[in-house]
C-alpha cells in the first residue's frame, strides 16, 4: 500500500460486491413474489433505478473521502519532506564544519 493503489482497489472491490449483492438480492426477491409480468417488470425497473441512484451516491461519497484522504497524505508527506530537507541541510553543514576542522 506504499503507492496507494491497493487501498483504492480494495475499496472498489467492496463497493462492487455491495452493488452486485444489492442488485441480485432485489431481483431474486422480486422474482419470488407472486405478481403479474407487467407489475414485476415495473418493480424490477424501479429497483434497478434505485440501485443505480444508490451506487452513484456511494461513488460520490467514496470519491469525496478518497480526495480528502489523498490531500491529507500529500500534506503530511510535504511536511515531512520539508523536515527531511532541513535535517539533511543541517547534517551537511555539520559534516562540512568537521571536515574544515580536520
N, C-alpha and C. Protein backbone atom coordinates (compact mmCIF):
# COMPACT_ATOMS: atom_id res chain seq x y z
N UNK A 1 0.81 -1.18 0.00
CA UNK A 1 0.00 0.00 0.00
C UNK A 1 0.86 1.25 0.00
N UNK A 2 2.08 1.12 -0.34
CA UNK A 2 3.01 2.24 -0.34
C UNK A 2 2.63 3.29 -1.36
N UNK A 3 2.08 2.87 -2.49
CA UNK A 3 1.73 3.84 -3.51
C UNK A 3 0.25 4.18 -3.53
N UNK A 4 -0.57 3.59 -2.67
CA UNK A 4 -1.97 3.93 -2.56
C UNK A 4 -2.87 3.17 -3.51
N UNK A 5 -2.32 2.40 -4.44
CA UNK A 5 -3.14 1.69 -5.40
C UNK A 5 -3.94 0.56 -4.77
N UNK A 6 -3.35 -0.18 -3.85
CA UNK A 6 -4.02 -1.32 -3.26
C UNK A 6 -5.26 -0.91 -2.47
N UNK A 7 -5.18 0.19 -1.73
CA UNK A 7 -6.33 0.66 -0.96
C UNK A 7 -7.48 1.03 -1.86
N UNK A 8 -7.19 1.67 -2.96
CA UNK A 8 -8.24 2.05 -3.89
C UNK A 8 -8.89 0.83 -4.52
N UNK A 9 -8.10 -0.19 -4.83
CA UNK A 9 -8.64 -1.42 -5.41
C UNK A 9 -9.52 -2.13 -4.39
N UNK A 10 -9.11 -2.13 -3.12
CA UNK A 10 -9.90 -2.77 -2.08
C UNK A 10 -11.25 -2.08 -1.93
N UNK A 11 -11.25 -0.76 -1.93
CA UNK A 11 -12.49 0.00 -1.80
C UNK A 11 -13.40 -0.29 -2.98
N UNK A 12 -12.85 -0.30 -4.17
CA UNK A 12 -13.65 -0.58 -5.37
C UNK A 12 -14.20 -2.00 -5.35
N UNK A 13 -13.41 -2.96 -4.87
CA UNK A 13 -13.87 -4.34 -4.80
C UNK A 13 -15.05 -4.46 -3.84
N UNK A 14 -14.94 -3.83 -2.68
CA UNK A 14 -16.03 -3.86 -1.70
C UNK A 14 -17.25 -3.15 -2.26
N UNK A 15 -17.04 -2.02 -2.87
CA UNK A 15 -18.13 -1.25 -3.47
C UNK A 15 -18.83 -2.08 -4.54
N UNK A 16 -18.08 -2.72 -5.41
CA UNK A 16 -18.65 -3.55 -6.47
C UNK A 16 -19.43 -4.73 -5.91
N UNK A 17 -18.88 -5.37 -4.87
CA UNK A 17 -19.56 -6.50 -4.26
C UNK A 17 -20.87 -6.08 -3.61
N UNK A 18 -20.87 -4.91 -2.98
CA UNK A 18 -22.10 -4.42 -2.36
C UNK A 18 -23.18 -4.16 -3.41
N UNK A 19 -22.80 -3.53 -4.50
CA UNK A 19 -23.77 -3.22 -5.55
C UNK A 19 -24.29 -4.51 -6.17
N UNK A 20 -23.41 -5.46 -6.46
CA UNK A 20 -23.83 -6.73 -7.04
C UNK A 20 -24.79 -7.46 -6.10
N UNK A 21 -24.47 -7.50 -4.82
CA UNK A 21 -25.34 -8.14 -3.85
C UNK A 21 -26.69 -7.47 -3.76
N UNK A 22 -26.69 -6.15 -3.80
CA UNK A 22 -27.94 -5.40 -3.76
C UNK A 22 -28.81 -5.73 -4.96
N UNK A 23 -28.21 -5.71 -6.13
CA UNK A 23 -28.96 -5.99 -7.35
C UNK A 23 -29.49 -7.43 -7.37
N UNK A 24 -28.63 -8.38 -7.05
CA UNK A 24 -29.06 -9.78 -7.07
C UNK A 24 -30.14 -10.05 -6.03
N UNK A 25 -29.97 -9.52 -4.84
CA UNK A 25 -30.98 -9.71 -3.80
C UNK A 25 -32.32 -9.11 -4.19
N UNK A 26 -32.30 -7.93 -4.77
CA UNK A 26 -33.55 -7.28 -5.20
C UNK A 26 -34.23 -8.06 -6.30
N UNK A 27 -33.46 -8.54 -7.27
CA UNK A 27 -34.04 -9.29 -8.38
C UNK A 27 -34.64 -10.61 -7.89
N UNK A 28 -33.91 -11.31 -7.03
CA UNK A 28 -34.41 -12.58 -6.50
C UNK A 28 -35.69 -12.34 -5.71
N UNK A 29 -35.72 -11.31 -4.89
CA UNK A 29 -36.93 -11.01 -4.10
C UNK A 29 -38.11 -10.72 -5.01
N UNK A 30 -37.88 -9.96 -6.07
CA UNK A 30 -38.97 -9.65 -6.98
C UNK A 30 -39.44 -10.87 -7.76
N UNK A 31 -38.51 -11.72 -8.15
CA UNK A 31 -38.88 -12.91 -8.91
C UNK A 31 -39.66 -13.92 -8.08
N UNK A 32 -39.40 -13.94 -6.79
CA UNK A 32 -40.11 -14.89 -5.92
C UNK A 32 -41.48 -14.38 -5.48
N UNK A 33 -41.76 -13.13 -5.68
CA UNK A 33 -43.05 -12.56 -5.30
C UNK A 33 -44.10 -12.90 -6.36
N UNK A 34 -45.30 -13.31 -5.93
CA UNK A 34 -46.36 -13.64 -6.90
C UNK A 34 -47.00 -12.38 -7.48
N UNK A 35 -46.58 -11.99 -8.67
CA UNK A 35 -47.11 -10.78 -9.31
C UNK A 35 -47.24 -11.04 -10.80
N UNK A 36 -47.96 -10.15 -11.46
CA UNK A 36 -48.09 -10.26 -12.92
C UNK A 36 -46.78 -9.86 -13.58
N UNK A 37 -46.59 -10.27 -14.82
CA UNK A 37 -45.37 -9.96 -15.54
C UNK A 37 -45.13 -8.48 -15.68
N UNK A 38 -46.18 -7.72 -16.02
CA UNK A 38 -46.04 -6.28 -16.19
C UNK A 38 -45.69 -5.62 -14.86
N UNK A 39 -46.35 -6.03 -13.82
CA UNK A 39 -46.08 -5.47 -12.49
C UNK A 39 -44.65 -5.80 -12.05
N UNK A 40 -44.25 -7.04 -12.31
CA UNK A 40 -42.91 -7.48 -11.93
C UNK A 40 -41.85 -6.71 -12.70
N UNK A 41 -42.04 -6.52 -14.00
CA UNK A 41 -41.08 -5.75 -14.80
C UNK A 41 -40.98 -4.31 -14.31
N UNK A 42 -42.10 -3.74 -13.94
CA UNK A 42 -42.10 -2.37 -13.40
C UNK A 42 -41.31 -2.29 -12.10
N UNK A 43 -41.50 -3.27 -11.24
CA UNK A 43 -40.78 -3.27 -9.96
C UNK A 43 -39.28 -3.51 -10.17
N UNK A 44 -38.96 -4.39 -11.11
CA UNK A 44 -37.54 -4.63 -11.40
C UNK A 44 -36.90 -3.34 -11.93
N UNK A 45 -37.61 -2.64 -12.81
CA UNK A 45 -37.10 -1.36 -13.33
C UNK A 45 -36.92 -0.34 -12.22
N UNK A 46 -37.91 -0.26 -11.32
CA UNK A 46 -37.80 0.68 -10.20
C UNK A 46 -36.63 0.31 -9.28
N UNK A 47 -36.49 -0.99 -9.01
CA UNK A 47 -35.40 -1.44 -8.15
C UNK A 47 -34.04 -1.14 -8.80
N UNK A 48 -33.97 -1.35 -10.11
CA UNK A 48 -32.71 -1.06 -10.82
C UNK A 48 -32.40 0.44 -10.77
N UNK A 49 -33.42 1.27 -10.92
CA UNK A 49 -33.22 2.72 -10.86
C UNK A 49 -32.74 3.13 -9.48
N UNK A 50 -33.38 2.59 -8.44
CA UNK A 50 -32.95 2.91 -7.06
C UNK A 50 -31.53 2.43 -6.81
N UNK A 51 -31.21 1.23 -7.30
CA UNK A 51 -29.85 0.69 -7.11
C UNK A 51 -28.83 1.58 -7.81
N UNK A 52 -29.17 2.04 -9.01
CA UNK A 52 -28.26 2.92 -9.75
C UNK A 52 -28.05 4.22 -8.98
N UNK A 53 -29.13 4.79 -8.44
CA UNK A 53 -29.01 6.03 -7.68
C UNK A 53 -28.16 5.83 -6.42
N UNK A 54 -28.36 4.70 -5.74
CA UNK A 54 -27.55 4.41 -4.54
C UNK A 54 -26.09 4.23 -4.92
N UNK A 55 -25.85 3.54 -6.03
CA UNK A 55 -24.47 3.34 -6.48
C UNK A 55 -23.80 4.66 -6.79
N UNK A 56 -24.53 5.57 -7.43
CA UNK A 56 -23.97 6.88 -7.75
C UNK A 56 -23.69 7.67 -6.47
N UNK A 57 -24.60 7.58 -5.49
CA UNK A 57 -24.37 8.25 -4.21
C UNK A 57 -23.14 7.69 -3.51
N UNK A 58 -23.02 6.37 -3.51
CA UNK A 58 -21.88 5.74 -2.86
C UNK A 58 -20.59 6.10 -3.59
N UNK A 59 -20.65 6.14 -4.90
CA UNK A 59 -19.48 6.52 -5.69
C UNK A 59 -19.02 7.92 -5.33
N UNK A 60 -19.98 8.83 -5.20
CA UNK A 60 -19.66 10.21 -4.84
C UNK A 60 -19.04 10.26 -3.44
N UNK A 61 -19.62 9.52 -2.51
CA UNK A 61 -19.08 9.51 -1.14
C UNK A 61 -17.67 8.94 -1.10
N UNK A 62 -17.45 7.84 -1.81
CA UNK A 62 -16.12 7.23 -1.83
C UNK A 62 -15.11 8.18 -2.46
N UNK A 63 -15.51 8.82 -3.57
CA UNK A 63 -14.60 9.75 -4.25
C UNK A 63 -14.26 10.93 -3.34
N UNK A 64 -15.24 11.44 -2.62
CA UNK A 64 -15.01 12.56 -1.71
C UNK A 64 -14.06 12.16 -0.59
N UNK A 65 -14.30 10.99 0.00
CA UNK A 65 -13.42 10.52 1.08
C UNK A 65 -12.02 10.26 0.56
N UNK A 66 -11.92 9.69 -0.64
CA UNK A 66 -10.61 9.42 -1.23
C UNK A 66 -9.85 10.72 -1.47
N UNK A 67 -10.54 11.72 -2.03
CA UNK A 67 -9.88 13.01 -2.29
C UNK A 67 -9.40 13.65 -0.99
N UNK A 68 -10.22 13.59 0.05
CA UNK A 68 -9.82 14.16 1.33
C UNK A 68 -8.63 13.44 1.93
N UNK A 69 -8.66 12.12 1.85
CA UNK A 69 -7.54 11.33 2.38
C UNK A 69 -6.27 11.59 1.57
N UNK A 70 -6.40 11.63 0.25
CA UNK A 70 -5.23 11.88 -0.60
C UNK A 70 -4.63 13.24 -0.27
N UNK A 71 -5.48 14.23 -0.08
CA UNK A 71 -5.00 15.58 0.24
C UNK A 71 -4.25 15.58 1.58
N UNK A 72 -4.81 14.89 2.58
CA UNK A 72 -4.16 14.83 3.89
C UNK A 72 -2.81 14.13 3.79
N UNK A 73 -2.75 13.04 3.03
CA UNK A 73 -1.49 12.31 2.87
C UNK A 73 -0.46 13.17 2.16
N UNK A 74 -0.89 13.87 1.10
CA UNK A 74 0.04 14.75 0.38
C UNK A 74 0.58 15.84 1.29
N UNK A 75 -0.30 16.45 2.08
CA UNK A 75 0.14 17.49 3.02
C UNK A 75 1.14 16.92 4.03
N UNK A 76 0.82 15.75 4.53
CA UNK A 76 1.71 15.08 5.51
C UNK A 76 3.07 14.80 4.89
N UNK A 77 3.07 14.29 3.66
CA UNK A 77 4.34 13.98 3.00
C UNK A 77 5.14 15.25 2.72
N UNK A 78 4.47 16.31 2.30
CA UNK A 78 5.17 17.58 2.05
C UNK A 78 5.81 18.10 3.33
N UNK A 79 5.07 17.99 4.43
CA UNK A 79 5.58 18.46 5.72
C UNK A 79 6.83 17.68 6.11
N UNK A 80 6.78 16.36 5.95
CA UNK A 80 7.92 15.53 6.32
C UNK A 80 9.07 15.70 5.33
N UNK A 81 8.77 15.93 4.07
CA UNK A 81 9.84 16.16 3.10
C UNK A 81 10.58 17.45 3.43
N UNK A 82 9.83 18.46 3.85
CA UNK A 82 10.45 19.73 4.24
C UNK A 82 11.36 19.50 5.45
N UNK A 83 10.85 18.78 6.43
CA UNK A 83 11.65 18.48 7.62
C UNK A 83 12.88 17.65 7.28
N UNK A 84 12.73 16.69 6.38
CA UNK A 84 13.88 15.87 5.98
C UNK A 84 14.91 16.72 5.25
N UNK A 85 14.44 17.63 4.41
CA UNK A 85 15.36 18.52 3.70
C UNK A 85 16.15 19.39 4.65
N UNK A 86 15.46 19.93 5.66
CA UNK A 86 16.14 20.77 6.66
C UNK A 86 17.15 19.96 7.45
N UNK A 87 16.77 18.74 7.83
CA UNK A 87 17.69 17.88 8.59
C UNK A 87 18.90 17.51 7.74
N UNK A 88 18.69 17.27 6.47
CA UNK A 88 19.80 16.95 5.57
C UNK A 88 20.74 18.13 5.45
N UNK A 89 20.17 19.32 5.33
CA UNK A 89 20.99 20.53 5.22
C UNK A 89 21.81 20.74 6.49
N UNK A 90 21.19 20.54 7.64
CA UNK A 90 21.91 20.68 8.91
C UNK A 90 23.06 19.67 9.01
N UNK A 91 22.77 18.43 8.62
CA UNK A 91 23.80 17.39 8.67
C UNK A 91 24.94 17.72 7.72
N UNK A 92 24.59 18.21 6.53
CA UNK A 92 25.63 18.58 5.56
C UNK A 92 26.52 19.70 6.12
N UNK A 93 25.91 20.67 6.79
CA UNK A 93 26.70 21.78 7.38
C UNK A 93 27.60 21.25 8.49
N UNK A 94 27.08 20.32 9.30
CA UNK A 94 27.90 19.76 10.37
C UNK A 94 29.08 18.97 9.80
N UNK A 95 28.84 18.23 8.75
CA UNK A 95 29.91 17.45 8.13
C UNK A 95 30.96 18.40 7.54
N UNK A 96 30.52 19.45 6.87
CA UNK A 96 31.45 20.42 6.31
C UNK A 96 32.29 21.08 7.40
N UNK A 97 31.65 21.40 8.51
CA UNK A 97 32.37 22.02 9.63
C UNK A 97 33.42 21.05 10.20
N UNK A 98 33.07 19.78 10.31
CA UNK A 98 34.02 18.80 10.82
C UNK A 98 35.18 18.59 9.85
N UNK A 99 34.88 18.63 8.56
CA UNK A 99 35.94 18.49 7.55
C UNK A 99 36.88 19.66 7.61
N UNK A 100 36.33 20.86 7.78
CA UNK A 100 37.17 22.07 7.85
C UNK A 100 38.05 22.05 9.10
N UNK A 101 37.58 21.46 10.18
CA UNK A 101 38.36 21.39 11.41
C UNK A 101 39.49 20.38 11.30
N UNK A 102 39.36 19.42 10.44
CA UNK A 102 40.39 18.38 10.31
C UNK A 102 41.60 18.83 9.59
